[in-house]
Amino acid sequence: FILSIVNREKPLIFYAGGVGLLGGVDEDLPDILRKVKDLGALTFVDPVTPYMRGWGFLKPAMAWTDIFHCNIDEAKQITGENEPQKACERLVEMGAKIAIVSMGDKGLIARTGEALFSMPAFKVPVVDPTGAGDALCAGVIIGLLQKMNFRRCNIVDLSIDDIVDALLIGEAAGAACVTAVGTTTAVTEENVKKILREQGEQLRGSIKVSSV
């Protein structure tokens, strides 16, 4: 069913959210991602903590994962590493081309095979944190599509600046999310642009990018 939709729609980016609670989809995830990549799409995996099971289903899928996001607690569970940078490094070693670990009001870290990114959080009033990670992923996807000019590209074609720009939009979307009750109430283009306009350049100046 999933692959029939992918064949019909031919997405530029395939987002697999909520894996860990998707039953048969979780078990088939490596095959799904492999076939999606064969069609030329980038793959983006955003899991949730599995119910009554471990993370073993995820590891075979990492080889076919271009972008991987999780929060810091999930990263520790998946990798066994308590230190955020080590956890992010381990996610890349497991196969992710870009690993993003969100840390709430501490911002995020991200890693590729060549660079480590450390980004503080936008300063916004927190009303309800529910859905912030999903909003972050949506913002990153929008940012990547813009950098791809809405055309197919290989993940390795993205520059450091491309990744930083996408992460900024992602963090702004996540920040917008927490300012109202509900998972999507405040996640609007207007709110995201307002956060970027008011704080984006200052935050960009605080981002640390180091070679690894």
N, C-alpha and C. Protein backbone atom coordinates (compact mmCIF):
# COMPACT_ATOMS: atom_id res chain seq x y z
N PHE A 1 0.82 -1.21 0.00
CA PHE A 1 0.00 0.00 0.00
C PHE A 1 0.86 1.26 0.00
N ILE A 2 1.85 1.32 0.90
CA ILE A 2 2.72 2.49 0.98
C ILE A 2 3.49 2.67 -0.32
N LEU A 3 4.05 1.58 -0.82
CA LEU A 3 4.86 1.68 -2.04
C LEU A 3 4.01 2.03 -3.24
N SER A 4 2.75 1.61 -3.26
CA SER A 4 1.88 1.98 -4.38
C SER A 4 1.65 3.49 -4.40
N ILE A 5 1.51 4.08 -3.21
CA ILE A 5 1.35 5.53 -3.13
C ILE A 5 2.64 6.23 -3.56
N VAL A 6 3.77 5.72 -3.10
CA VAL A 6 5.06 6.31 -3.48
C VAL A 6 5.26 6.23 -4.99
N ASN A 7 4.92 5.10 -5.58
CA ASN A 7 5.04 4.95 -7.04
C ASN A 7 4.17 5.95 -7.77
N ARG A 8 3.00 6.22 -7.22
CA ARG A 8 2.07 7.15 -7.87
C ARG A 8 2.49 8.60 -7.68
N GLU A 9 2.87 8.95 -6.45
CA GLU A 9 3.14 10.35 -6.13
C GLU A 9 4.57 10.78 -6.43
N LYS A 10 5.51 9.82 -6.42
CA LYS A 10 6.92 10.09 -6.68
C LYS A 10 7.44 11.28 -5.85
N PRO A 11 7.46 11.13 -4.53
CA PRO A 11 7.88 12.24 -3.67
C PRO A 11 9.37 12.54 -3.78
N LEU A 12 9.72 13.78 -3.49
CA LEU A 12 11.13 14.14 -3.41
C LEU A 12 11.72 13.70 -2.07
N ILE A 13 10.90 13.77 -1.02
CA ILE A 13 11.30 13.33 0.31
C ILE A 13 10.20 12.42 0.87
N PHE A 14 10.61 11.26 1.38
CA PHE A 14 9.68 10.31 1.99
C PHE A 14 9.87 10.37 3.50
N TYR A 15 8.83 10.78 4.22
CA TYR A 15 8.91 10.94 5.67
C TYR A 15 8.21 9.78 6.36
N ALA A 16 8.95 9.06 7.18
CA ALA A 16 8.40 7.94 7.96
C ALA A 16 8.35 8.37 9.41
N GLY A 17 7.20 8.91 9.83
CA GLY A 17 7.03 9.36 11.20
C GLY A 17 6.25 8.34 12.01
N GLY A 18 6.49 8.33 13.31
CA GLY A 18 5.74 7.42 14.18
C GLY A 18 6.17 5.98 14.11
N VAL A 19 7.26 5.69 13.40
CA VAL A 19 7.71 4.30 13.37
C VAL A 19 8.11 3.90 14.79
N GLY A 20 7.78 2.67 15.13
CA GLY A 20 7.89 2.20 16.50
C GLY A 20 6.53 1.80 17.03
N LEU A 21 5.50 2.39 16.40
CA LEU A 21 4.12 2.06 16.77
C LEU A 21 3.31 1.64 15.55
N LEU A 22 4.00 1.26 14.47
CA LEU A 22 3.29 1.01 13.21
C LEU A 22 3.23 -0.47 12.82
N GLY A 23 3.49 -1.35 13.77
CA GLY A 23 3.29 -2.78 13.52
C GLY A 23 4.07 -3.31 12.34
N GLY A 24 3.35 -3.81 11.35
CA GLY A 24 3.99 -4.41 10.18
C GLY A 24 4.85 -3.45 9.40
N VAL A 25 4.50 -2.18 9.42
CA VAL A 25 5.32 -1.18 8.73
C VAL A 25 6.70 -1.12 9.36
N ASP A 26 6.77 -1.21 10.68
CA ASP A 26 8.06 -1.21 11.35
C ASP A 26 8.92 -2.37 10.87
N GLU A 27 8.32 -3.54 10.77
CA GLU A 27 9.08 -4.72 10.35
C GLU A 27 9.53 -4.61 8.89
N ASP A 28 8.73 -3.96 8.08
CA ASP A 28 9.04 -3.83 6.65
C ASP A 28 9.84 -2.57 6.34
N LEU A 29 10.17 -1.78 7.36
CA LEU A 29 10.78 -0.47 7.12
C LEU A 29 12.05 -0.52 6.28
N PRO A 30 13.00 -1.44 6.53
CA PRO A 30 14.19 -1.47 5.68
C PRO A 30 13.86 -1.65 4.21
N ASP A 31 12.94 -2.56 3.90
CA ASP A 31 12.57 -2.81 2.51
C ASP A 31 11.84 -1.62 1.91
N ILE A 32 10.97 -0.99 2.70
CA ILE A 32 10.25 0.19 2.22
C ILE A 32 11.23 1.31 1.88
N LEU A 33 12.16 1.60 2.80
CA LEU A 33 13.11 2.69 2.56
C LEU A 33 14.01 2.39 1.37
N ARG A 34 14.44 1.14 1.26
CA ARG A 34 15.31 0.78 0.12
C ARG A 34 14.60 1.02 -1.20
N LYS A 35 13.35 0.60 -1.29
CA LYS A 35 12.60 0.76 -2.53
C LYS A 35 12.29 2.23 -2.81
N VAL A 36 12.03 2.99 -1.75
CA VAL A 36 11.79 4.43 -1.92
C VAL A 36 13.04 5.11 -2.46
N LYS A 37 14.20 4.75 -1.93
CA LYS A 37 15.45 5.33 -2.41
C LYS A 37 15.72 4.93 -3.85
N ASP A 38 15.35 3.71 -4.22
CA ASP A 38 15.51 3.29 -5.61
C ASP A 38 14.70 4.17 -6.56
N LEU A 39 13.62 4.77 -6.05
CA LEU A 39 12.79 5.66 -6.86
C LEU A 39 13.33 7.09 -6.87
N GLY A 40 14.41 7.33 -6.13
CA GLY A 40 15.06 8.64 -6.18
C GLY A 40 14.67 9.61 -5.09
N ALA A 41 13.93 9.16 -4.08
CA ALA A 41 13.53 10.06 -3.00
C ALA A 41 14.54 10.03 -1.86
N LEU A 42 14.65 11.15 -1.15
CA LEU A 42 15.37 11.17 0.11
C LEU A 42 14.47 10.57 1.18
N THR A 43 15.06 9.88 2.14
CA THR A 43 14.27 9.25 3.20
C THR A 43 14.52 9.96 4.53
N PHE A 44 13.45 10.16 5.28
CA PHE A 44 13.50 10.88 6.56
C PHE A 44 12.74 10.02 7.58
N VAL A 45 13.44 9.57 8.60
CA VAL A 45 12.84 8.70 9.61
C VAL A 45 12.78 9.43 10.95
N ASP A 46 11.60 9.42 11.56
CA ASP A 46 11.36 10.10 12.84
C ASP A 46 10.58 9.15 13.75
N PRO A 47 11.27 8.34 14.57
CA PRO A 47 10.59 7.31 15.34
C PRO A 47 9.99 7.83 16.64
N VAL A 48 9.17 7.00 17.25
CA VAL A 48 8.71 7.21 18.62
C VAL A 48 9.12 5.99 19.44
N THR A 49 9.13 6.14 20.74
CA THR A 49 9.52 5.02 21.60
C THR A 49 8.57 3.85 21.40
N PRO A 50 9.08 2.68 21.02
CA PRO A 50 8.21 1.52 20.78
C PRO A 50 7.48 1.10 22.04
N TYR A 51 6.30 0.56 21.86
CA TYR A 51 5.49 0.07 22.99
C TYR A 51 5.72 -1.42 23.18
N MET A 52 6.18 -1.80 24.35
CA MET A 52 6.34 -3.21 24.72
C MET A 52 7.31 -3.94 23.79
N ARG A 53 8.33 -3.24 23.31
CA ARG A 53 9.34 -3.87 22.47
C ARG A 53 10.58 -3.00 22.47
N GLY A 54 11.65 -3.51 21.89
CA GLY A 54 12.89 -2.76 21.82
C GLY A 54 13.03 -2.01 20.51
N TRP A 55 14.24 -1.47 20.32
CA TRP A 55 14.54 -0.68 19.13
C TRP A 55 15.16 -1.51 18.02
N GLY A 56 15.22 -2.82 18.17
CA GLY A 56 15.91 -3.65 17.20
C GLY A 56 15.40 -3.51 15.79
N PHE A 57 14.11 -3.25 15.62
CA PHE A 57 13.52 -3.12 14.28
C PHE A 57 14.15 -1.97 13.50
N LEU A 58 14.67 -0.98 14.23
CA LEU A 58 15.13 0.24 13.58
C LEU A 58 16.51 0.09 12.95
N LYS A 59 17.36 -0.68 13.57
CA LYS A 59 18.76 -0.74 13.15
C LYS A 59 18.95 -1.18 11.71
N PRO A 60 18.24 -2.20 11.21
CA PRO A 60 18.43 -2.56 9.79
C PRO A 60 17.98 -1.47 8.82
N ALA A 61 17.09 -0.58 9.28
CA ALA A 61 16.57 0.47 8.40
C ALA A 61 17.52 1.64 8.26
N MET A 62 18.48 1.76 9.17
CA MET A 62 19.34 2.94 9.17
C MET A 62 20.21 3.03 7.92
N ALA A 63 20.53 1.90 7.32
CA ALA A 63 21.35 1.92 6.11
C ALA A 63 20.65 2.64 4.96
N TRP A 64 19.32 2.72 5.02
CA TRP A 64 18.55 3.35 3.95
C TRP A 64 17.97 4.70 4.39
N THR A 65 18.51 5.25 5.47
CA THR A 65 17.97 6.48 6.05
C THR A 65 18.88 7.65 5.72
N ASP A 66 18.36 8.63 5.00
CA ASP A 66 19.14 9.84 4.71
C ASP A 66 19.14 10.79 5.90
N ILE A 67 17.96 11.07 6.46
CA ILE A 67 17.83 11.99 7.57
C ILE A 67 17.11 11.27 8.70
N PHE A 68 17.66 11.38 9.89
CA PHE A 68 17.07 10.72 11.05
C PHE A 68 16.91 11.73 12.17
N HIS A 69 15.72 11.80 12.74
CA HIS A 69 15.48 12.70 13.88
C HIS A 69 14.93 11.92 15.06
N CYS A 70 15.38 12.28 16.24
CA CYS A 70 14.77 11.79 17.47
C CYS A 70 15.09 12.79 18.57
N ASN A 71 14.43 12.66 19.70
CA ASN A 71 14.78 13.53 20.82
C ASN A 71 15.91 12.89 21.62
N ILE A 72 16.43 13.64 22.58
CA ILE A 72 17.62 13.17 23.28
C ILE A 72 17.36 11.89 24.07
N ASP A 73 16.18 11.75 24.67
CA ASP A 73 15.88 10.53 25.41
C ASP A 73 15.84 9.32 24.49
N GLU A 74 15.23 9.49 23.32
CA GLU A 74 15.19 8.39 22.35
C GLU A 74 16.59 8.07 21.84
N ALA A 75 17.40 9.11 21.62
CA ALA A 75 18.76 8.89 21.14
C ALA A 75 19.57 8.06 22.13
N LYS A 76 19.40 8.35 23.41
CA LYS A 76 20.10 7.58 24.43
C LYS A 76 19.66 6.12 24.43
N GLN A 77 18.35 5.90 24.28
CA GLN A 77 17.82 4.54 24.26
C GLN A 77 18.32 3.77 23.04
N ILE A 78 18.32 4.42 21.89
CA ILE A 78 18.70 3.75 20.65
C ILE A 78 20.18 3.39 20.63
N THR A 79 21.02 4.33 21.10
CA THR A 79 22.47 4.17 20.95
C THR A 79 23.16 3.65 22.20
N GLY A 80 22.53 3.79 23.36
CA GLY A 80 23.21 3.44 24.60
C GLY A 80 24.20 4.48 25.06
N GLU A 81 24.24 5.61 24.37
CA GLU A 81 25.16 6.71 24.71
C GLU A 81 24.40 7.79 25.47
N ASN A 82 24.93 8.21 26.62
CA ASN A 82 24.26 9.24 27.41
C ASN A 82 24.65 10.66 27.02
N GLU A 83 25.79 10.81 26.37
CA GLU A 83 26.25 12.14 25.97
C GLU A 83 25.69 12.46 24.59
N PRO A 84 25.04 13.62 24.41
CA PRO A 84 24.35 13.90 23.14
C PRO A 84 25.23 13.80 21.90
N GLN A 85 26.44 14.34 21.95
CA GLN A 85 27.29 14.28 20.77
C GLN A 85 27.67 12.85 20.44
N LYS A 86 27.94 12.05 21.46
CA LYS A 86 28.26 10.64 21.23
C LYS A 86 27.07 9.90 20.65
N ALA A 87 25.88 10.21 21.14
CA ALA A 87 24.67 9.56 20.62
C ALA A 87 24.47 9.92 19.15
N CYS A 88 24.68 11.19 18.83
CA CYS A 88 24.52 11.64 17.45
C CYS A 88 25.56 10.97 16.55
N GLU A 89 26.78 10.87 17.03
CA GLU A 89 27.83 10.20 16.28
C GLU A 89 27.46 8.74 16.02
N ARG A 90 26.91 8.10 17.02
CA ARG A 90 26.54 6.69 16.88
C ARG A 90 25.43 6.51 15.86
N LEU A 91 24.48 7.44 15.81
CA LEU A 91 23.39 7.35 14.83
C LEU A 91 23.94 7.40 13.41
N VAL A 92 24.96 8.23 13.19
CA VAL A 92 25.60 8.29 11.87
C VAL A 92 26.35 6.99 11.60
N GLU A 93 27.03 6.48 12.60
CA GLU A 93 27.73 5.20 12.42
C GLU A 93 26.75 4.07 12.08
N MET A 94 25.53 4.17 12.58
CA MET A 94 24.51 3.16 12.29
C MET A 94 23.97 3.28 10.87
N GLY A 95 24.24 4.41 10.21
CA GLY A 95 23.84 4.53 8.81
C GLY A 95 23.19 5.82 8.39
N ALA A 96 22.66 6.61 9.34
CA ALA A 96 22.01 7.87 8.97
C ALA A 96 23.01 8.82 8.33
N LYS A 97 22.60 9.46 7.24
CA LYS A 97 23.49 10.42 6.58
C LYS A 97 23.49 11.76 7.31
N ILE A 98 22.33 12.16 7.82
CA ILE A 98 22.22 13.32 8.70
C ILE A 98 21.42 12.89 9.92
N ALA A 99 22.00 13.01 11.09
CA ALA A 99 21.30 12.69 12.34
C ALA A 99 21.00 13.98 13.07
N ILE A 100 19.75 14.14 13.50
CA ILE A 100 19.31 15.33 14.22
C ILE A 100 18.76 14.88 15.57
N VAL A 101 19.30 15.43 16.64
CA VAL A 101 18.83 15.12 17.98
C VAL A 101 18.34 16.40 18.63
N SER A 102 17.05 16.47 18.92
CA SER A 102 16.49 17.68 19.53
C SER A 102 16.52 17.56 21.04
N MET A 103 16.76 18.71 21.70
CA MET A 103 16.97 18.71 23.14
C MET A 103 16.12 19.77 23.84
N GLY A 104 14.93 20.04 23.32
CA GLY A 104 14.02 20.98 23.96
C GLY A 104 14.60 22.38 24.03
N ASP A 105 14.58 22.97 25.22
CA ASP A 105 15.05 24.35 25.35
C ASP A 105 16.57 24.47 25.28
N LYS A 106 17.25 23.34 25.12
CA LYS A 106 18.70 23.36 24.91
C LYS A 106 19.06 23.36 23.43
N GLY A 107 18.06 23.37 22.56
CA GLY A 107 18.32 23.42 21.13
C GLY A 107 18.45 22.04 20.51
N LEU A 108 19.40 21.90 19.60
CA LEU A 108 19.61 20.62 18.94
C LEU A 108 21.06 20.44 18.57
N ILE A 109 21.42 19.21 18.32
CA ILE A 109 22.68 18.92 17.66
C ILE A 109 22.36 18.06 16.44
N ALA A 110 23.22 18.18 15.45
CA ALA A 110 23.06 17.38 14.23
C ALA A 110 24.44 16.97 13.76
N ARG A 111 24.49 15.89 13.01
CA ARG A 111 25.78 15.39 12.55
C ARG A 111 25.66 14.75 11.20
N THR A 112 26.67 14.97 10.39
CA THR A 112 26.85 14.22 9.16
C THR A 112 28.16 13.44 9.30
N GLY A 113 28.60 12.82 8.23
CA GLY A 113 29.88 12.14 8.29
C GLY A 113 31.05 13.08 8.36
N GLU A 114 30.81 14.37 8.07
CA GLU A 114 31.91 15.34 8.00
C GLU A 114 31.81 16.47 9.01
N ALA A 115 30.62 16.73 9.56
CA ALA A 115 30.45 17.92 10.39
C ALA A 115 29.50 17.68 11.55
N LEU A 116 29.73 18.43 12.63
CA LEU A 116 28.85 18.44 13.80
C LEU A 116 28.26 19.83 13.94
N PHE A 117 26.95 19.91 14.12
CA PHE A 117 26.24 21.18 14.24
C PHE A 117 25.65 21.26 15.65
N SER A 118 25.86 22.40 16.31
CA SER A 118 25.27 22.65 17.62
C SER A 118 24.49 23.95 17.54
N MET A 119 23.19 23.89 17.81
CA MET A 119 22.31 25.04 17.61
C MET A 119 21.49 25.29 18.88
N PRO A 120 21.56 26.51 19.44
CA PRO A 120 20.70 26.82 20.59
C PRO A 120 19.25 26.94 20.18
N ALA A 121 18.38 27.02 21.16
CA ALA A 121 16.94 27.10 20.88
C ALA A 121 16.50 28.55 20.71
N PHE A 122 15.43 28.74 19.93
CA PHE A 122 14.78 30.05 19.88
C PHE A 122 14.12 30.31 21.23
N LYS A 123 14.05 31.58 21.60
CA LYS A 123 13.44 31.96 22.88
C LYS A 123 11.98 32.31 22.65
N VAL A 124 11.10 31.44 23.08
CA VAL A 124 9.65 31.66 22.95
C VAL A 124 8.97 31.20 24.24
N PRO A 125 7.78 31.73 24.53
CA PRO A 125 7.04 31.24 25.69
C PRO A 125 6.49 29.84 25.43
N VAL A 126 6.75 28.93 26.34
CA VAL A 126 6.32 27.54 26.16
C VAL A 126 4.96 27.34 26.82
N VAL A 127 3.97 27.01 26.00
CA VAL A 127 2.62 26.73 26.49
C VAL A 127 2.35 25.23 26.49
N ASP A 128 2.73 24.55 25.41
CA ASP A 128 2.47 23.11 25.27
C ASP A 128 3.52 22.53 24.33
N PRO A 129 4.42 21.67 24.84
CA PRO A 129 5.49 21.14 23.99
C PRO A 129 5.05 20.01 23.05
N THR A 130 3.81 19.58 23.15
CA THR A 130 3.35 18.45 22.34
C THR A 130 3.46 18.75 20.85
N GLY A 131 4.12 17.87 20.13
CA GLY A 131 4.21 18.01 18.68
C GLY A 131 5.40 18.80 18.19
N ALA A 132 6.25 19.29 19.10
CA ALA A 132 7.37 20.13 18.68
C ALA A 132 8.33 19.38 17.76
N GLY A 133 8.57 18.11 18.06
CA GLY A 133 9.48 17.33 17.21
C GLY A 133 8.93 17.13 15.81
N ASP A 134 7.63 16.88 15.71
CA ASP A 134 7.01 16.72 14.39
C ASP A 134 7.08 18.02 13.61
N ALA A 135 6.84 19.15 14.31
CA ALA A 135 6.92 20.45 13.64
C ALA A 135 8.34 20.72 13.17
N LEU A 136 9.31 20.36 14.01
CA LEU A 136 10.71 20.53 13.61
C LEU A 136 11.00 19.77 12.32
N CYS A 137 10.55 18.52 12.26
CA CYS A 137 10.78 17.72 11.06
C CYS A 137 10.13 18.36 9.83
N ALA A 138 8.90 18.87 10.01
CA ALA A 138 8.22 19.51 8.89
C ALA A 138 9.00 20.72 8.40
N GLY A 139 9.53 21.50 9.34
CA GLY A 139 10.33 22.66 8.95
C GLY A 139 11.61 22.27 8.23
N VAL A 140 12.27 21.23 8.72
CA VAL A 140 13.49 20.76 8.04
C VAL A 140 13.16 20.31 6.62
N ILE A 141 12.05 19.61 6.45
CA ILE A 141 11.65 19.15 5.12
C ILE A 141 11.42 20.34 4.19
N ILE A 142 10.70 21.36 4.67
CA ILE A 142 10.48 22.56 3.85
C ILE A 142 11.81 23.20 3.48
N GLY A 143 12.70 23.31 4.46
CA GLY A 143 14.00 23.91 4.19
C GLY A 143 14.81 23.13 3.17
N LEU A 144 14.78 21.80 3.27
CA LEU A 144 15.51 20.98 2.31
C LEU A 144 14.91 21.10 0.91
N LEU A 145 13.59 21.08 0.82
CA LEU A 145 12.95 21.22 -0.49
C LEU A 145 13.32 22.54 -1.14
N GLN A 146 13.40 23.60 -0.36
CA GLN A 146 13.80 24.89 -0.91
C GLN A 146 15.23 24.83 -1.43
N LYS A 147 16.11 24.22 -0.68
CA LYS A 147 17.50 24.11 -1.11
C LYS A 147 17.65 23.20 -2.32
N MET A 148 16.76 22.23 -2.44
CA MET A 148 16.76 21.32 -3.59
C MET A 148 16.08 21.94 -4.80
N ASN A 149 15.53 23.16 -4.63
CA ASN A 149 14.75 23.80 -5.69
C ASN A 149 13.62 22.88 -6.16
N PHE A 150 13.09 22.10 -5.22
CA PHE A 150 11.98 21.18 -5.48
C PHE A 150 12.29 20.23 -6.64
N ARG A 151 13.58 19.84 -6.69
CA ARG A 151 14.02 18.83 -7.66
C ARG A 151 14.77 17.74 -6.91
N ARG A 152 14.90 16.59 -7.53
CA ARG A 152 15.59 15.48 -6.89
C ARG A 152 17.07 15.80 -6.72
N CYS A 153 17.63 15.38 -5.59
CA CYS A 153 19.06 15.53 -5.40
C CYS A 153 19.54 14.43 -4.47
N ASN A 154 20.84 14.23 -4.46
CA ASN A 154 21.45 13.28 -3.54
C ASN A 154 21.74 14.00 -2.23
N ILE A 155 21.62 13.31 -1.13
CA ILE A 155 21.85 13.94 0.17
C ILE A 155 23.25 14.53 0.27
N VAL A 156 24.22 13.93 -0.41
CA VAL A 156 25.59 14.43 -0.33
C VAL A 156 25.78 15.73 -1.10
N ASP A 157 24.79 16.10 -1.91
CA ASP A 157 24.88 17.35 -2.65
C ASP A 157 24.55 18.57 -1.80
N LEU A 158 24.00 18.35 -0.60
CA LEU A 158 23.66 19.46 0.28
C LEU A 158 24.91 20.01 0.96
N SER A 159 25.05 21.32 0.96
CA SER A 159 26.21 21.95 1.58
C SER A 159 25.98 22.17 3.07
N ILE A 160 27.03 22.56 3.77
CA ILE A 160 26.91 22.90 5.18
C ILE A 160 25.86 24.00 5.37
N ASP A 161 25.92 25.03 4.52
CA ASP A 161 24.95 26.14 4.63
C ASP A 161 23.53 25.66 4.37
N ASP A 162 23.36 24.74 3.42
CA ASP A 162 22.03 24.19 3.14
C ASP A 162 21.46 23.52 4.39
N ILE A 163 22.30 22.74 5.05
CA ILE A 163 21.85 22.02 6.25
C ILE A 163 21.52 23.00 7.37
N VAL A 164 22.38 24.00 7.57
CA VAL A 164 22.13 25.01 8.60
C VAL A 164 20.80 25.71 8.35
N ASP A 165 20.56 26.12 7.11
CA ASP A 165 19.31 26.82 6.79
C ASP A 165 18.09 25.94 7.07
N ALA A 166 18.18 24.67 6.70
CA ALA A 166 17.06 23.75 6.95
C ALA A 166 16.84 23.54 8.44
N LEU A 167 17.92 23.42 9.20
CA LEU A 167 17.79 23.25 10.64
C LEU A 167 17.18 24.48 11.30
N LEU A 168 17.53 25.67 10.80
CA LEU A 168 16.95 26.90 11.34
C LEU A 168 15.43 26.94 11.15
N ILE A 169 14.99 26.59 9.95
CA ILE A 169 13.55 26.56 9.69
C ILE A 169 12.89 25.51 10.56
N GLY A 170 13.54 24.36 10.70
CA GLY A 170 13.00 23.31 11.55
C GLY A 170 12.85 23.76 13.00
N GLU A 171 13.90 24.38 13.53
CA GLU A 171 13.83 24.85 14.91
C GLU A 171 12.77 25.93 15.07
N ALA A 172 12.63 26.81 14.08
CA ALA A 172 11.61 27.85 14.16
C ALA A 172 10.21 27.25 14.16
N ALA A 173 10.01 26.22 13.35
CA ALA A 173 8.70 25.55 13.33
C ALA A 173 8.42 24.87 14.67
N GLY A 174 9.43 24.22 15.23
CA GLY A 174 9.27 23.61 16.54
C GLY A 174 8.99 24.64 17.62
N ALA A 175 9.67 25.79 17.54
CA ALA A 175 9.45 26.86 18.51
C ALA A 175 8.04 27.42 18.39
N ALA A 176 7.57 27.60 17.16
CA ALA A 176 6.20 28.09 16.96
C ALA A 176 5.20 27.12 17.58
N CYS A 177 5.46 25.84 17.43
CA CYS A 177 4.53 24.81 17.91
C CYS A 177 4.25 24.94 19.40
N VAL A 178 5.29 25.21 20.19
CA VAL A 178 5.13 25.16 21.64
C VAL A 178 4.44 26.38 22.21
N THR A 179 4.14 27.38 21.38
CA THR A 179 3.56 28.63 21.89
C THR A 179 2.05 28.58 22.04
N ALA A 180 1.42 27.47 21.69
CA ALA A 180 -0.03 27.35 21.82
C ALA A 180 -0.39 25.90 22.14
N VAL A 181 -1.57 25.70 22.67
CA VAL A 181 -2.04 24.35 22.98
C VAL A 181 -2.38 23.62 21.69
N GLY A 182 -1.91 22.38 21.58
CA GLY A 182 -2.19 21.58 20.38
C GLY A 182 -0.96 21.42 19.52
N THR A 183 -0.98 20.39 18.71
CA THR A 183 0.21 20.03 17.93
C THR A 183 0.42 20.90 16.70
N THR A 184 -0.63 21.53 16.20
CA THR A 184 -0.49 22.32 14.96
C THR A 184 -1.06 23.72 15.07
N THR A 185 -1.65 24.07 16.20
CA THR A 185 -2.36 25.34 16.33
C THR A 185 -1.51 26.53 15.89
N ALA A 186 -0.27 26.60 16.36
CA ALA A 186 0.58 27.77 16.10
C ALA A 186 1.60 27.54 15.00
N VAL A 187 1.58 26.36 14.38
CA VAL A 187 2.56 26.06 13.34
C VAL A 187 2.04 26.60 12.01
N THR A 188 2.20 27.89 11.82
CA THR A 188 1.77 28.55 10.59
C THR A 188 2.97 29.19 9.92
N GLU A 189 2.86 29.40 8.62
CA GLU A 189 3.94 30.06 7.90
C GLU A 189 4.23 31.43 8.50
N GLU A 190 3.17 32.15 8.86
CA GLU A 190 3.34 33.49 9.43
C GLU A 190 4.14 33.44 10.73
N ASN A 191 3.80 32.51 11.62
CA ASN A 191 4.49 32.43 12.90
C ASN A 191 5.94 32.00 12.74
N VAL A 192 6.19 31.05 11.86
CA VAL A 192 7.56 30.58 11.63
C VAL A 192 8.41 31.71 11.05
N LYS A 193 7.88 32.41 10.08
CA LYS A 193 8.63 33.52 9.48
C LYS A 193 8.88 34.63 10.50
N LYS A 194 7.93 34.87 11.38
CA LYS A 194 8.09 35.90 12.41
C LYS A 194 9.24 35.55 13.35
N ILE A 195 9.30 34.29 13.78
CA ILE A 195 10.40 33.86 14.64
C ILE A 195 11.74 33.99 13.92
N LEU A 196 11.79 33.58 12.67
CA LEU A 196 13.03 33.69 11.90
C LEU A 196 13.42 35.15 11.69
N ARG A 197 12.44 35.98 11.43
CA ARG A 197 12.71 37.40 11.19
C ARG A 197 13.26 38.08 12.45
N GLU A 198 12.69 37.74 13.60
CA GLU A 198 13.06 38.41 14.84
C GLU A 198 14.30 37.82 15.51
N GLN A 199 14.54 36.53 15.32
CA GLN A 199 15.64 35.89 16.05
C GLN A 199 16.61 35.11 15.18
N GLY A 200 16.26 34.95 13.90
CA GLY A 200 17.02 34.04 13.05
C GLY A 200 18.49 34.38 12.91
N GLU A 201 18.80 35.63 12.61
CA GLU A 201 20.19 36.00 12.38
C GLU A 201 21.01 35.91 13.66
N GLN A 202 20.41 36.30 14.78
CA GLN A 202 21.11 36.18 16.06
C GLN A 202 21.40 34.72 16.38
N LEU A 203 20.41 33.86 16.16
CA LEU A 203 20.62 32.44 16.43
C LEU A 203 21.65 31.86 15.48
N ARG A 204 21.59 32.26 14.21
CA ARG A 204 22.56 31.76 13.23
C ARG A 204 23.99 32.06 13.69
N GLY A 205 24.17 33.23 14.29
CA GLY A 205 25.50 33.59 14.76
C GLY A 205 25.98 32.76 15.94
N SER A 206 25.05 32.06 16.59
CA SER A 206 25.40 31.23 17.74
C SER A 206 25.59 29.76 17.38
N ILE A 207 25.33 29.42 16.13
CA ILE A 207 25.47 28.03 15.70
C ILE A 207 26.94 27.67 15.59
N LYS A 208 27.30 26.53 16.12
CA LYS A 208 28.67 26.04 16.02
C LYS A 208 28.72 24.87 15.04
N VAL A 209 29.60 24.98 14.07
CA VAL A 209 29.80 23.90 13.10
C VAL A 209 31.27 23.50 13.16
N SER A 210 31.53 22.25 13.41
CA SER A 210 32.91 21.78 13.50
C SER A 210 33.10 20.54 12.65
N SER A 211 34.29 20.40 12.11
CA SER A 211 34.62 19.21 11.32
C SER A 211 34.82 18.03 12.25
N VAL A 212 34.51 16.84 11.74
CA VAL A 212 34.67 15.63 12.54
C VAL A 212 35.52 14.63 11.78
